[in-house]
Amino acid sequence: MKKLFFLFLLIGNLCFAQTNEQADASNTFATAYIYRPGNYTGALSGFDIHITYADGTEEVLGRVKNNNKFEAKLTKEGKAEIWAKTEKKASVSVNVKFGERYYIKAGMKMGVMLNRPELTLVFPDQGETDYASMGKKKEKNK
């Protein structure tokens, strides 16, 4: 009977350790869901999405195209600027907290020589709905 008890105790600890590892993994990064709904303006062009953290570190999160979406891991906490640039720079500021989700809607506006990017930080409930309605992910970054 004691052996059976210790066997259940061991199995319970292993299961608990696995769920803790999964929870700890989500607390080492935040997730940015970046999407660009289909539109005729700039339909054939795409642009890179960058992040600049408060310490000056810069990363390319991915490339967004017309009717496209992707998700990226944000690996540093604190204030950051998510931006894109063609003819003009567009940006949104976020205060990155691990375990949080950020939804960023991208778009294009007509420019003088090139189309200009637009970025909007969207509330999570609206962003989740928009992101899910776009179908399957076109690409996944990091």
Foldseek 3Di string as FASTA:
>chain_A
DVVVVVVVVVVVVVVVVVVVVVVVVQQQWEKEKEAEEADPVQQVDKWWKKKAAPVGDIDTQGIYHYLAIEMGTGRDFAKMWIWTFDPHIEIDIDGTGRNYYWYKYKYWDDDDVGIGIYIDTDPVVVRVVVSVVSPDHPDYGD
